[in-house]
C-alpha atoms as a PDB file:
ATOM      1  CA  UNK A   1    -108.270 -64.423-104.151  1.00  0.00           C
ATOM      2  CA  UNK A   2    -105.963 -64.477-101.142  1.00  0.00           C
ATOM      3  CA  UNK A   3    -103.509 -62.122-102.863  1.00  0.00           C
ATOM      4  CA  UNK A   4    -106.311 -59.707-103.753  1.00  0.00           C
ATOM      5  CA  UNK A   5    -107.597 -59.779-100.183  1.00  0.00           C
ATOM      6  CA  UNK A   6    -104.105 -59.141 -98.822  1.00  0.00           C
ATOM      7  CA  UNK A   7    -103.631 -56.234-101.223  1.00  0.00           C
ATOM      8  CA  UNK A   8    -106.968 -54.670-100.314  1.00  0.00           C
ATOM      9  CA  UNK A   9    -106.119 -55.036 -96.617  1.00  0.00           C
ATOM     10  CA  UNK A  10    -102.753 -53.360 -97.190  1.00  0.00           C
ATOM     11  CA  UNK A  11    -104.415 -50.521 -99.078  1.00  0.00           C
ATOM     12  CA  UNK A  12    -106.938 -49.993 -96.284  1.00  0.00           C
ATOM     13  CA  UNK A  13    -104.113 -49.861 -93.737  1.00  0.00           C
ATOM     14  CA  UNK A  14    -102.251 -47.271 -95.819  1.00  0.00           C
ATOM     15  CA  UNK A  15    -105.375 -45.160 -96.216  1.00  0.00           C
ATOM     16  CA  UNK A  16    -105.951 -45.420 -92.461  1.00  0.00           C
ATOM     17  CA  UNK A  17    -102.424 -44.260 -91.699  1.00  0.00           C
ATOM     18  CA  UNK A  18    -102.966 -41.202 -93.905  1.00  0.00           C
ATOM     19  CA  UNK A  19    -106.483 -40.123 -92.985  1.00  0.00           C
ATOM     20  CA  UNK A  20    -107.110 -41.345 -89.425  1.00  0.00           C
ATOM     21  CA  UNK A  21    -104.582 -38.930 -87.860  1.00  0.00           C
ATOM     22  CA  UNK A  22    -106.344 -36.112 -89.737  1.00  0.00           C
ATOM     23  CA  UNK A  23    -109.878 -37.155 -88.808  1.00  0.00           C
ATOM     24  CA  UNK A  24    -109.082 -38.349 -85.281  1.00  0.00           C
ATOM     25  CA  UNK A  25    -105.790 -36.786 -84.169  1.00  0.00           C
ATOM     26  CA  UNK A  26    -104.192 -38.155 -81.020  1.00  0.00           C
ATOM     27  CA  UNK A  27    -102.133 -36.089 -78.664  1.00  0.00           C
ATOM     28  CA  UNK A  28     -99.554 -37.250 -76.162  1.00  0.00           C
ATOM     29  CA  UNK A  29    -101.274 -37.389 -72.754  1.00  0.00           C
ATOM     30  CA  UNK A  30     -98.139 -36.014 -71.077  1.00  0.00           C
ATOM     31  CA  UNK A  31     -96.892 -33.155 -73.273  1.00  0.00           C
ATOM     32  CA  UNK A  32     -99.866 -32.640 -75.600  1.00  0.00           C
ATOM     33  CA  UNK A  33     -97.902 -32.962 -78.856  1.00  0.00           C
ATOM     34  CA  UNK A  34     -99.579 -34.512 -81.891  1.00  0.00           C
ATOM     35  CA  UNK A  35     -98.779 -38.224 -82.187  1.00  0.00           C
ATOM     36  CA  UNK A  36     -97.973 -40.327 -85.251  1.00  0.00           C
ATOM     37  CA  UNK A  37    -100.657 -42.853 -86.188  1.00  0.00           C
ATOM     38  CA  UNK A  38    -100.607 -45.852 -83.843  1.00  0.00           C
ATOM     39  CA  UNK A  39     -98.583 -44.170 -81.083  1.00  0.00           C
ATOM     40  CA  UNK A  40    -100.194 -43.619 -77.692  1.00  0.00           C
ATOM     41  CA  UNK A  41     -97.424 -41.628 -75.971  1.00  0.00           C
ATOM     42  CA  UNK A  42     -94.564 -39.751 -77.597  1.00  0.00           C
ATOM     43  CA  UNK A  43     -91.160 -41.409 -77.361  1.00  0.00           C
ATOM     44  CA  UNK A  44     -89.646 -38.577 -75.316  1.00  0.00           C
ATOM     45  CA  UNK A  45     -92.386 -38.684 -72.668  1.00  0.00           C
ATOM     46  CA  UNK A  46     -92.414 -42.485 -72.593  1.00  0.00           C
ATOM     47  CA  UNK A  47     -88.779 -42.454 -71.463  1.00  0.00           C
ATOM     48  CA  UNK A  48     -89.708 -40.034 -68.664  1.00  0.00           C
ATOM     49  CA  UNK A  49     -92.710 -41.957 -67.338  1.00  0.00           C
ATOM     50  CA  UNK A  50     -92.212 -43.040 -63.701  1.00  0.00           C
ATOM     51  CA  UNK A  51     -92.912 -46.761 -64.089  1.00  0.00           C
ATOM     52  CA  UNK A  52     -93.124 -48.643 -60.791  1.00  0.00           C
ATOM     53  CA  UNK A  53     -89.978 -50.731 -60.449  1.00  0.00           C
ATOM     54  CA  UNK A  54     -88.708 -53.246 -57.886  1.00  0.00           C
ATOM     55  CA  UNK A  55     -88.392 -53.503 -54.992  1.00  0.00           C
ATOM     56  CA  UNK A  56     -92.148 -53.360 -54.416  1.00  0.00           C
ATOM     57  CA  UNK A  57     -94.430 -53.973 -51.458  1.00  0.00           C
ATOM     58  CA  UNK A  58     -95.589 -57.591 -51.584  1.00  0.00           C
ATOM     59  CA  UNK A  59     -99.105 -56.523 -50.628  1.00  0.00           C
ATOM     60  CA  UNK A  60    -100.068 -53.389 -52.588  1.00  0.00           C
ATOM     61  CA  UNK A  61     -97.205 -53.043 -55.080  1.00  0.00           C
ATOM     62  CA  UNK A  62     -95.914 -49.644 -53.904  1.00  0.00           C
ATOM     63  CA  UNK A  63     -92.157 -49.099 -54.245  1.00  0.00           C
ATOM     64  CA  UNK A  64     -90.200 -49.752 -51.061  1.00  0.00           C
ATOM     65  CA  UNK A  65     -86.808 -48.326 -50.162  1.00  0.00           C
ATOM     66  CA  UNK A  66     -85.012 -51.623 -49.686  1.00  0.00           C
ATOM     67  CA  UNK A  67     -85.452 -55.146 -51.046  1.00  0.00           C
ATOM     68  CA  UNK A  68     -85.383 -56.486 -47.489  1.00  0.00           C
ATOM     69  CA  UNK A  69     -88.641 -54.618 -46.798  1.00  0.00           C
ATOM     70  CA  UNK A  70     -91.523 -56.977 -47.528  1.00  0.00           C
ATOM     71  CA  UNK A  71     -94.262 -54.398 -46.993  1.00  0.00           C
ATOM     72  CA  UNK A  72     -94.513 -50.638 -47.354  1.00  0.00           C
ATOM     73  CA  UNK A  73     -95.200 -48.431 -44.338  1.00  0.00           C
ATOM     74  CA  UNK A  74     -98.896 -48.088 -45.189  1.00  0.00           C
ATOM     75  CA  UNK A  75     -99.479 -51.839 -45.392  1.00  0.00           C
ATOM     76  CA  UNK A  76     -97.610 -52.408 -42.138  1.00  0.00           C
ATOM     77  CA  UNK A  77     -99.561 -49.736 -40.252  1.00  0.00           C
ATOM     78  CA  UNK A  78    -102.905 -50.511 -41.901  1.00  0.00           C
ATOM     79  CA  UNK A  79    -102.875 -54.242 -42.835  1.00  0.00           C
ATOM     80  CA  UNK A  80    -104.764 -55.084 -46.016  1.00  0.00           C
ATOM     81  CA  UNK A  81    -107.134 -57.972 -46.750  1.00  0.00           C
ATOM     82  CA  UNK A  82    -106.260 -58.391 -50.429  1.00  0.00           C
ATOM     83  CA  UNK A  83    -103.554 -60.876 -51.334  1.00  0.00           C
ATOM     84  CA  UNK A  84    -101.302 -58.869 -53.638  1.00  0.00           C
ATOM     85  CA  UNK A  85    -101.217 -55.968 -56.035  1.00  0.00           C
ATOM     86  CA  UNK A  86     -99.503 -54.221 -58.903  1.00  0.00           C
ATOM     87  CA  UNK A  87     -99.515 -50.766 -60.424  1.00  0.00           C
ATOM     88  CA  UNK A  88     -98.075 -49.293 -63.584  1.00  0.00           C
ATOM     89  CA  UNK A  89     -96.985 -45.737 -62.739  1.00  0.00           C
ATOM     90  CA  UNK A  90     -96.210 -43.521 -59.777  1.00  0.00           C
ATOM     91  CA  UNK A  91     -98.848 -40.868 -59.235  1.00  0.00           C
ATOM     92  CA  UNK A  92     -97.011 -37.550 -59.405  1.00  0.00           C
ATOM     93  CA  UNK A  93     -96.925 -34.219 -61.264  1.00  0.00           C
ATOM     94  CA  UNK A  94     -96.019 -35.953 -64.521  1.00  0.00           C
ATOM     95  CA  UNK A  95     -98.796 -38.545 -64.512  1.00  0.00           C
ATOM     96  CA  UNK A  96    -101.554 -36.575 -62.772  1.00  0.00           C
ATOM     97  CA  UNK A  97    -102.728 -34.497 -65.797  1.00  0.00           C
ATOM     98  CA  UNK A  98    -103.268 -37.600 -67.934  1.00  0.00           C
ATOM     99  CA  UNK A  99    -105.146 -39.347 -65.131  1.00  0.00           C
ATOM    100  CA  UNK A 100    -107.384 -36.306 -64.638  1.00  0.00           C
ATOM    101  CA  UNK A 101    -108.138 -36.287 -68.366  1.00  0.00           C
ATOM    102  CA  UNK A 102    -108.788 -40.027 -68.312  1.00  0.00           C
ATOM    103  CA  UNK A 103    -111.082 -39.829 -65.301  1.00  0.00           C
ATOM    104  CA  UNK A 104    -113.018 -36.632 -65.978  1.00  0.00           C
ATOM    105  CA  UNK A 105    -112.470 -35.494 -69.579  1.00  0.00           C
ATOM    106  CA  UNK A 106    -113.385 -38.570 -71.623  1.00  0.00           C
ATOM    107  CA  UNK A 107    -109.837 -39.551 -72.664  1.00  0.00           C
ATOM    108  CA  UNK A 108    -110.935 -43.175 -73.049  1.00  0.00           C
ATOM    109  CA  UNK A 109    -108.336 -43.640 -75.759  1.00  0.00           C
ATOM    110  CA  UNK A 110    -105.730 -44.054 -72.988  1.00  0.00           C
ATOM    111  CA  UNK A 111    -107.270 -47.393 -71.975  1.00  0.00           C
ATOM    112  CA  UNK A 112    -105.319 -49.360 -74.581  1.00  0.00           C
ATOM    113  CA  UNK A 113    -101.985 -47.874 -73.568  1.00  0.00           C
ATOM    114  CA  UNK A 114    -102.523 -48.456 -69.861  1.00  0.00           C
ATOM    115  CA  UNK A 115    -103.763 -52.030 -70.180  1.00  0.00           C
ATOM    116  CA  UNK A 116    -101.169 -53.100 -72.746  1.00  0.00           C
ATOM    117  CA  UNK A 117     -98.364 -51.735 -70.574  1.00  0.00           C
ATOM    118  CA  UNK A 118     -99.816 -53.418 -67.477  1.00  0.00           C
ATOM    119  CA  UNK A 119     -99.897 -56.802 -69.182  1.00  0.00           C
ATOM    120  CA  UNK A 120     -96.484 -56.316 -70.735  1.00  0.00           C
ATOM    121  CA  UNK A 121     -94.971 -55.701 -67.291  1.00  0.00           C
ATOM    122  CA  UNK A 122     -97.147 -57.860 -65.016  1.00  0.00           C
ATOM    123  CA  UNK A 123     -98.236 -60.870 -67.045  1.00  0.00           C
ATOM    124  CA  UNK A 124     -96.028 -63.152 -64.858  1.00  0.00           C
ATOM    125  CA  UNK A 125     -97.919 -61.844 -61.797  1.00  0.00           C
ATOM    126  CA  UNK A 126    -101.294 -62.586 -63.389  1.00  0.00           C
ATOM    127  CA  UNK A 127    -100.152 -66.091 -64.298  1.00  0.00           C
ATOM    128  CA  UNK A 128     -99.155 -66.745 -60.695  1.00  0.00           C
ATOM    129  CA  UNK A 129    -102.331 -65.203 -59.269  1.00  0.00           C
ATOM    130  CA  UNK A 130    -104.560 -67.033 -61.801  1.00  0.00           C
ATOM    131  CA  UNK A 131    -107.602 -64.725 -61.491  1.00  0.00           C
ATOM    132  CA  UNK A 132    -110.815 -66.240 -62.796  1.00  0.00           C
ATOM    133  CA  UNK A 133    -112.547 -62.903 -63.292  1.00  0.00           C
ATOM    134  CA  UNK A 134    -111.905 -59.160 -63.378  1.00  0.00           C
ATOM    135  CA  UNK A 135    -114.019 -56.693 -61.387  1.00  0.00           C
ATOM    136  CA  UNK A 136    -113.846 -52.876 -61.517  1.00  0.00           C
ATOM    137  CA  UNK A 137    -114.177 -50.605 -58.520  1.00  0.00           C
ATOM    138  CA  UNK A 138    -117.596 -49.018 -59.120  1.00  0.00           C
ATOM    139  CA  UNK A 139    -118.472 -45.355 -59.122  1.00  0.00           C
ATOM    140  CA  UNK A 140    -121.781 -44.065 -57.843  1.00  0.00           C
ATOM    141  CA  UNK A 141    -124.574 -43.998 -60.417  1.00  0.00           C
ATOM    142  CA  UNK A 142    -124.768 -40.189 -60.230  1.00  0.00           C
ATOM    143  CA  UNK A 143    -121.061 -39.810 -61.054  1.00  0.00           C
ATOM    144  CA  UNK A 144    -121.250 -42.362 -63.867  1.00  0.00           C
ATOM    145  CA  UNK A 145    -124.218 -40.533 -65.358  1.00  0.00           C
ATOM    146  CA  UNK A 146    -122.365 -37.232 -65.126  1.00  0.00           C
ATOM    147  CA  UNK A 147    -119.139 -38.551 -66.719  1.00  0.00           C
ATOM    148  CA  UNK A 148    -120.792 -41.026 -69.064  1.00  0.00           C
ATOM    149  CA  UNK A 149    -118.476 -43.870 -68.071  1.00  0.00           C
ATOM    150  CA  UNK A 150    -116.501 -45.505 -65.275  1.00  0.00           C
ATOM    151  CA  UNK A 151    -112.787 -45.408 -66.061  1.00  0.00           C
ATOM    152  CA  UNK A 152    -112.115 -48.460 -63.860  1.00  0.00           C
ATOM    153  CA  UNK A 153    -114.665 -50.410 -65.894  1.00  0.00           C
ATOM    154  CA  UNK A 154    -112.903 -49.457 -69.137  1.00  0.00           C
ATOM    155  CA  UNK A 155    -109.641 -50.769 -67.684  1.00  0.00           C
ATOM    156  CA  UNK A 156    -111.114 -53.958 -66.234  1.00  0.00           C
ATOM    157  CA  UNK A 157    -112.938 -54.820 -69.458  1.00  0.00           C
ATOM    158  CA  UNK A 158    -109.788 -54.382 -71.518  1.00  0.00           C
ATOM    159  CA  UNK A 159    -107.699 -56.439 -69.073  1.00  0.00           C
ATOM    160  CA  UNK A 160    -110.309 -59.213 -69.046  1.00  0.00           C
ATOM    161  CA  UNK A 161    -110.273 -59.316 -72.853  1.00  0.00           C
ATOM    162  CA  UNK A 162    -106.479 -59.479 -73.006  1.00  0.00           C
ATOM    163  CA  UNK A 163    -106.322 -62.192 -70.334  1.00  0.00           C
ATOM    164  CA  UNK A 164    -109.250 -64.095 -71.833  1.00  0.00           C
ATOM    165  CA  UNK A 165    -111.192 -64.330 -68.567  1.00  0.00           C
ATOM    166  CA  UNK A 166    -114.625 -63.255 -67.358  1.00  0.00           C
ATOM    167  CA  UNK A 167    -115.551 -59.649 -66.679  1.00  0.00           C
ATOM    168  CA  UNK A 168    -118.118 -58.691 -64.029  1.00  0.00           C
ATOM    169  CA  UNK A 169    -118.604 -54.913 -64.404  1.00  0.00           C
ATOM    170  CA  UNK A 170    -121.784 -54.867 -62.302  1.00  0.00           C
ATOM    171  CA  UNK A 171    -120.939 -57.268 -59.473  1.00  0.00           C
ATOM    172  CA  UNK A 172    -119.962 -54.480 -57.075  1.00  0.00           C
ATOM    173  CA  UNK A 173    -122.232 -51.476 -56.594  1.00  0.00           C
ATOM    174  CA  UNK A 174    -121.391 -48.169 -54.957  1.00  0.00           C
ATOM    175  CA  UNK A 175    -124.618 -47.364 -53.176  1.00  0.00           C
ATOM    176  CA  UNK A 176    -123.394 -44.290 -51.258  1.00  0.00           C
ATOM    177  CA  UNK A 177    -121.960 -41.261 -53.030  1.00  0.00           C
ATOM    178  CA  UNK A 178    -119.216 -40.687 -50.465  1.00  0.00           C
ATOM    179  CA  UNK A 179    -117.371 -37.452 -49.785  1.00  0.00           C
ATOM    180  CA  UNK A 180    -114.013 -36.922 -51.570  1.00  0.00           C
ATOM    181  CA  UNK A 181    -111.403 -39.135 -49.956  1.00  0.00           C
ATOM    182  CA  UNK A 182    -108.470 -36.717 -50.103  1.00  0.00           C
ATOM    183  CA  UNK A 183    -109.797 -34.695 -47.154  1.00  0.00           C
ATOM    184  CA  UNK A 184    -109.543 -37.674 -44.758  1.00  0.00           C
ATOM    185  CA  UNK A 185    -106.766 -39.488 -42.904  1.00  0.00           C
ATOM    186  CA  UNK A 186    -106.145 -43.139 -43.999  1.00  0.00           C
ATOM    187  CA  UNK A 187    -108.320 -44.636 -41.243  1.00  0.00           C
ATOM    188  CA  UNK A 188    -111.045 -42.041 -41.791  1.00  0.00           C
ATOM    189  CA  UNK A 189    -111.028 -42.895 -45.503  1.00  0.00           C
ATOM    190  CA  UNK A 190    -111.804 -46.518 -44.697  1.00  0.00           C
ATOM    191  CA  UNK A 191    -114.519 -45.489 -42.245  1.00  0.00           C
ATOM    192  CA  UNK A 192    -116.001 -43.243 -44.929  1.00  0.00           C
ATOM    193  CA  UNK A 193    -116.286 -46.265 -47.252  1.00  0.00           C
ATOM    194  CA  UNK A 194    -117.403 -48.963 -44.802  1.00  0.00           C
ATOM    195  CA  UNK A 195    -120.972 -49.153 -46.103  1.00  0.00           C
ATOM    196  CA  UNK A 196    -120.438 -47.660 -49.551  1.00  0.00           C
ATOM    197  CA  UNK A 197    -120.075 -50.920 -51.507  1.00  0.00           C
ATOM    198  CA  UNK A 198    -122.433 -53.896 -51.824  1.00  0.00           C
ATOM    199  CA  UNK A 199    -122.935 -56.888 -54.109  1.00  0.00           C
ATOM    200  CA  UNK A 200    -125.499 -56.253 -56.820  1.00  0.00           C
ATOM    201  CA  UNK A 201    -128.735 -58.128 -55.994  1.00  0.00           C
ATOM    202  CA  UNK A 202    -128.614 -60.056 -59.282  1.00  0.00           C
ATOM    203  CA  UNK A 203    -125.370 -61.755 -58.135  1.00  0.00           C
ATOM    204  CA  UNK A 204    -126.357 -62.657 -54.578  1.00  0.00           C
ATOM    205  CA  UNK A 205    -127.539 -66.140 -55.563  1.00  0.00           C
ATOM    206  CA  UNK A 206    -124.629 -66.733 -57.939  1.00  0.00           C
ATOM    207  CA  UNK A 207    -124.197 -70.512 -58.183  1.00  0.00           C
ATOM    208  CA  UNK A 208    -120.492 -70.659 -59.020  1.00  0.00           C
ATOM    209  CA  UNK A 209    -118.458 -67.794 -57.623  1.00  0.00           C
ATOM    210  CA  UNK A 210    -114.903 -67.192 -58.807  1.00  0.00           C
ATOM    211  CA  UNK A 211    -112.334 -68.209 -56.205  1.00  0.00           C
ATOM    212  CA  UNK A 212    -109.786 -65.586 -57.279  1.00  0.00           C
ATOM    213  CA  UNK A 213    -110.478 -62.178 -58.812  1.00  0.00           C
ATOM    214  CA  UNK A 214    -108.548 -59.158 -60.023  1.00  0.00           C
ATOM    215  CA  UNK A 215    -109.964 -55.894 -58.659  1.00  0.00           C
ATOM    216  CA  UNK A 216    -109.162 -52.923 -60.906  1.00  0.00           C
ATOM    217  CA  UNK A 217    -109.111 -49.169 -60.302  1.00  0.00           C
ATOM    218  CA  UNK A 218    -107.362 -46.148 -61.793  1.00  0.00           C
ATOM    219  CA  UNK A 219    -105.461 -44.772 -58.771  1.00  0.00           C
ATOM    220  CA  UNK A 220    -104.295 -46.278 -55.462  1.00  0.00           C
ATOM    221  CA  UNK A 221    -103.307 -43.942 -52.631  1.00  0.00           C
ATOM    222  CA  UNK A 222    -103.939 -45.243 -49.097  1.00  0.00           C
ATOM    223  CA  UNK A 223    -105.749 -48.383 -50.283  1.00  0.00           C
ATOM    224  CA  UNK A 224    -108.991 -47.612 -48.414  1.00  0.00           C
ATOM    225  CA  UNK A 225    -111.192 -48.078 -51.480  1.00  0.00           C
ATOM    226  CA  UNK A 226    -109.562 -51.379 -52.439  1.00  0.00           C
ATOM    227  CA  UNK A 227    -109.763 -52.585 -48.837  1.00  0.00           C
ATOM    228  CA  UNK A 228    -113.460 -51.744 -48.543  1.00  0.00           C
ATOM    229  CA  UNK A 229    -114.228 -53.548 -51.821  1.00  0.00           C
ATOM    230  CA  UNK A 230    -112.102 -56.544 -50.828  1.00  0.00           C
ATOM    231  CA  UNK A 231    -113.980 -56.996 -47.557  1.00  0.00           C
ATOM    232  CA  UNK A 232    -117.296 -57.037 -49.430  1.00  0.00           C
ATOM    233  CA  UNK A 233    -115.957 -59.599 -51.930  1.00  0.00           C
ATOM    234  CA  UNK A 234    -114.645 -61.807 -49.115  1.00  0.00           C
ATOM    235  CA  UNK A 235    -118.019 -61.749 -47.372  1.00  0.00           C
ATOM    236  CA  UNK A 236    -119.577 -62.690 -50.708  1.00  0.00           C
ATOM    237  CA  UNK A 237    -117.425 -65.825 -50.778  1.00  0.00           C
ATOM    238  CA  UNK A 238    -114.503 -64.897 -53.046  1.00  0.00           C
ATOM    239  CA  UNK A 239    -111.423 -66.277 -51.328  1.00  0.00           C
ATOM    240  CA  UNK A 240    -108.589 -64.326 -52.945  1.00  0.00           C
ATOM    241  CA  UNK A 241    -108.607 -60.748 -54.217  1.00  0.00           C
ATOM    242  CA  UNK A 242    -105.687 -59.221 -56.102  1.00  0.00           C
ATOM    243  CA  UNK A 243    -105.579 -55.558 -57.054  1.00  0.00           C
ATOM    244  CA  UNK A 244    -104.364 -53.723 -60.140  1.00  0.00           C
ATOM    245  CA  UNK A 245    -104.195 -49.978 -60.775  1.00  0.00           C
ATOM    246  CA  UNK A 246    -102.717 -47.595 -63.316  1.00  0.00           C
ATOM    247  CA  UNK A 247    -101.181 -45.186 -60.806  1.00  0.00           C
ATOM    248  CA  UNK A 248    -100.080 -45.538 -57.216  1.00  0.00           C
ATOM    249  CA  UNK A 249     -98.869 -43.090 -54.582  1.00  0.00           C
ATOM    250  CA  UNK A 250     -95.594 -43.425 -52.755  1.00  0.00           C
ATOM    251  CA  UNK A 251     -95.404 -44.819 -49.248  1.00  0.00           C
ATOM    252  CA  UNK A 252     -95.412 -42.282 -46.413  1.00  0.00           C
ATOM    253  CA  UNK A 253     -92.272 -43.710 -44.796  1.00  0.00           C
END
């Protein structure tokens, strides 16, 4: 019986390898080439991806010029309330098209690649931080209805599953549909978000709140969104907030 089951499983896998690429073809998010079954990025593009490498800012995770620099320019000029952070890739001309597709064009299939790479590179960080729950940065209800999903929620749910910890996709709510952040200076971005986020009413009487959480978003630039969310979580009673993103901008120094 076990041998028959193993054989049938092997046959199903072989059939999947043959027909799935035909029925559901995957394309490399960087160059657009058709991918072999099971691959998420072509080998050539993978070698070109600008993974964030040390030395990094101890606060947000941005690359810094020298290992003697504890914090990047942005975190020194605009101190952050979260306790630490990590990011997978630099946000530049190579990674931007894939992030646009992921955020606006329903490329949810990229979730597995992003989260698996994050855990492969930052699992030691997560073990040190010991988050008890994962929370996504919320989008406004109107934007979620328009897109059909929140990309940060896809990421946070996958990370929570891989880490085996709780996921609170609805704990934070974006009650104000703010103006696009890219038109503002760093301080103006934070001011624009001051009252945008609140705790969902169903969580306000939460008996046992997690002491440490991982706050997840797709892109980190100035950190205004993460800072605004962190302040709300601190007021709620969560002591330590760590952040995790797929892409991050470079420091302005």
